[in-house]
């Protein structure tokens, strides 16, 4: 039986000089992950790219999961793989909303909606494909 390795690249559009490339590889075993990492390192080297060892990790999805581009991926004991907005991403969003509402204190409803609606729509568009469990933070 052939075991499949999934590789996903994501280029950051925010970097103007040389794009930062983010990468997730899903493997069936730690050994396979280490082999893929070595092969990718050899493939990246001639292009002048290398892994950032401080940020590169090999983790099991069912233990801790991992965060990637504002998402948290983890396989739970029930066997379900859930992809959620990461806790830091939710906190940043809530802080931004609080900051915007503070600056809009005393403004009319139309002004508040004109400022808040695009922010919320952007958040919803980015995380529309995943589970949303913002109540989990519980800091009211």
Protein backbone atom coordinates (compact mmCIF):
# COMPACT_ATOMS: atom_id res chain seq x y z
CA UNK A 1 0.00 0.00 0.00
CA UNK A 2 1.40 3.41 -0.98
CA UNK A 3 1.47 6.01 1.77
CA UNK A 4 0.74 9.51 0.58
CA UNK A 5 2.57 12.63 1.71
CA UNK A 6 0.74 15.92 1.42
CA UNK A 7 2.69 19.14 0.96
CA UNK A 8 1.12 22.58 1.04
CA UNK A 9 2.87 25.85 0.18
CA UNK A 10 1.48 29.23 1.06
CA UNK A 11 3.23 32.40 -0.04
CA UNK A 12 2.78 35.51 2.03
CA UNK A 13 1.74 38.49 -0.05
CA UNK A 14 2.73 40.93 2.72
CA UNK A 15 6.46 40.54 2.07
CA UNK A 16 7.56 42.65 -0.88
CA UNK A 17 11.17 41.64 -1.45
CA UNK A 18 11.27 37.87 -1.25
CA UNK A 19 8.05 36.02 -0.42
CA UNK A 20 8.02 34.08 2.83
CA UNK A 21 6.86 30.59 2.03
CA UNK A 22 4.97 28.68 4.68
CA UNK A 23 4.79 24.93 4.44
CA UNK A 24 2.86 22.10 6.04
CA UNK A 25 3.63 18.46 5.30
CA UNK A 26 1.30 15.73 6.55
CA UNK A 27 2.92 12.31 6.96
CA UNK A 28 1.99 9.00 8.50
CA UNK A 29 5.04 8.63 10.74
CA UNK A 30 7.80 10.69 12.32
CA UNK A 31 10.39 8.82 10.25
CA UNK A 32 8.57 9.70 7.04
CA UNK A 33 8.33 13.35 8.16
CA UNK A 34 12.08 13.51 8.80
CA UNK A 35 12.80 11.99 5.37
CA UNK A 36 10.50 14.48 3.65
CA UNK A 37 12.12 17.35 5.57
CA UNK A 38 15.59 16.26 4.41
CA UNK A 39 14.40 15.96 0.78
CA UNK A 40 12.72 19.37 0.92
CA UNK A 41 15.84 20.95 2.44
CA UNK A 42 17.89 19.56 -0.46
CA UNK A 43 15.30 20.86 -2.94
CA UNK A 44 15.16 24.34 -1.35
CA UNK A 45 18.94 24.83 -1.03
CA UNK A 46 19.69 25.54 -4.75
CA UNK A 47 16.90 28.14 -4.70
CA UNK A 48 18.60 29.99 -1.84
CA UNK A 49 15.93 28.95 0.67
CA UNK A 50 16.23 27.07 3.93
CA UNK A 51 14.05 25.99 6.82
CA UNK A 52 13.87 28.32 9.80
CA UNK A 53 14.84 25.72 12.40
CA UNK A 54 13.39 27.83 15.23
CA UNK A 55 9.95 27.60 13.63
CA UNK A 56 10.17 24.12 12.11
CA UNK A 57 8.57 21.36 14.16
CA UNK A 58 7.41 17.80 13.69
CA UNK A 59 4.30 17.22 15.80
CA UNK A 60 1.56 14.66 16.16
CA UNK A 61 -1.90 15.93 15.34
CA UNK A 62 -3.52 13.91 18.12
CA UNK A 63 -1.31 15.23 20.94
CA UNK A 64 -0.99 18.97 20.63
CA UNK A 65 -1.76 19.81 17.04
CA UNK A 66 -0.22 22.92 15.55
CA UNK A 67 -0.92 26.49 14.51
CA UNK A 68 -0.57 27.57 10.89
CA UNK A 69 -1.42 31.00 9.45
CA UNK A 70 -3.94 31.80 12.19
CA UNK A 71 -5.47 28.32 12.26
CA UNK A 72 -5.11 25.58 14.87
CA UNK A 73 -5.22 21.99 13.59
CA UNK A 74 -5.70 19.08 15.97
CA UNK A 75 -7.10 15.56 15.89
CA UNK A 76 -9.21 14.91 18.99
CA UNK A 77 -9.64 11.59 20.83
CA UNK A 78 -12.94 11.07 19.04
CA UNK A 79 -10.96 10.81 15.79
CA UNK A 80 -12.24 14.10 14.38
CA UNK A 81 -9.77 16.54 12.88
CA UNK A 82 -10.87 20.05 13.78
CA UNK A 83 -9.42 23.16 12.25
CA UNK A 84 -10.26 26.28 14.23
CA UNK A 85 -9.13 29.88 14.40
CA UNK A 86 -6.11 29.88 16.73
CA UNK A 87 -6.49 31.40 20.19
CA UNK A 88 -3.95 34.18 19.47
CA UNK A 89 -5.80 35.03 16.24
CA UNK A 90 -9.12 35.27 18.09
CA UNK A 91 -7.53 37.45 20.79
CA UNK A 92 -6.03 39.79 18.16
CA UNK A 93 -9.44 40.06 16.47
CA UNK A 94 -11.23 40.79 19.74
CA UNK A 95 -8.64 43.42 20.70
CA UNK A 96 -8.99 45.06 17.30
CA UNK A 97 -12.78 45.17 17.63
CA UNK A 98 -12.51 46.60 21.15
CA UNK A 99 -10.06 49.27 19.90
CA UNK A 100 -12.37 50.19 17.01
CA UNK A 101 -15.43 50.38 19.27
CA UNK A 102 -13.52 52.60 21.71
CA UNK A 103 -12.57 55.03 18.96
CA UNK A 104 -16.18 55.05 17.72
CA UNK A 105 -17.73 55.84 21.12
CA UNK A 106 -20.39 58.48 20.65
CA UNK A 107 -20.59 57.97 16.88
CA UNK A 108 -23.91 57.23 15.24
CA UNK A 109 -24.91 53.69 14.30
CA UNK A 110 -24.24 54.19 10.58
CA UNK A 111 -20.63 55.24 11.27
CA UNK A 112 -20.07 52.30 13.60
CA UNK A 113 -21.46 49.82 11.08
CA UNK A 114 -19.49 51.38 8.22
CA UNK A 115 -16.25 50.84 10.17
CA UNK A 116 -16.96 47.46 11.83
CA UNK A 117 -18.70 45.61 8.97
CA UNK A 118 -15.64 45.30 6.67
CA UNK A 119 -13.51 44.11 9.58
CA UNK A 120 -15.98 41.39 10.53
CA UNK A 121 -16.54 40.40 6.89
CA UNK A 122 -12.80 40.01 6.40
CA UNK A 123 -12.53 37.78 9.48
CA UNK A 124 -15.49 35.68 8.39
CA UNK A 125 -14.15 35.33 4.84
CA UNK A 126 -10.73 34.16 6.06
CA UNK A 127 -12.11 31.61 8.54
CA UNK A 128 -15.26 30.59 6.64
CA UNK A 129 -14.05 27.06 5.93
CA UNK A 130 -13.28 26.05 9.51
CA UNK A 131 -14.99 25.44 12.85
CA UNK A 132 -15.57 28.65 14.77
CA UNK A 133 -15.56 28.30 18.53
CA UNK A 134 -14.90 31.78 19.91
CA UNK A 135 -16.80 31.03 23.16
CA UNK A 136 -13.89 28.77 24.12
CA UNK A 137 -11.82 31.75 25.34
CA UNK A 138 -14.31 32.42 28.10
CA UNK A 139 -13.02 35.82 29.18
CA UNK A 140 -16.40 37.35 28.45
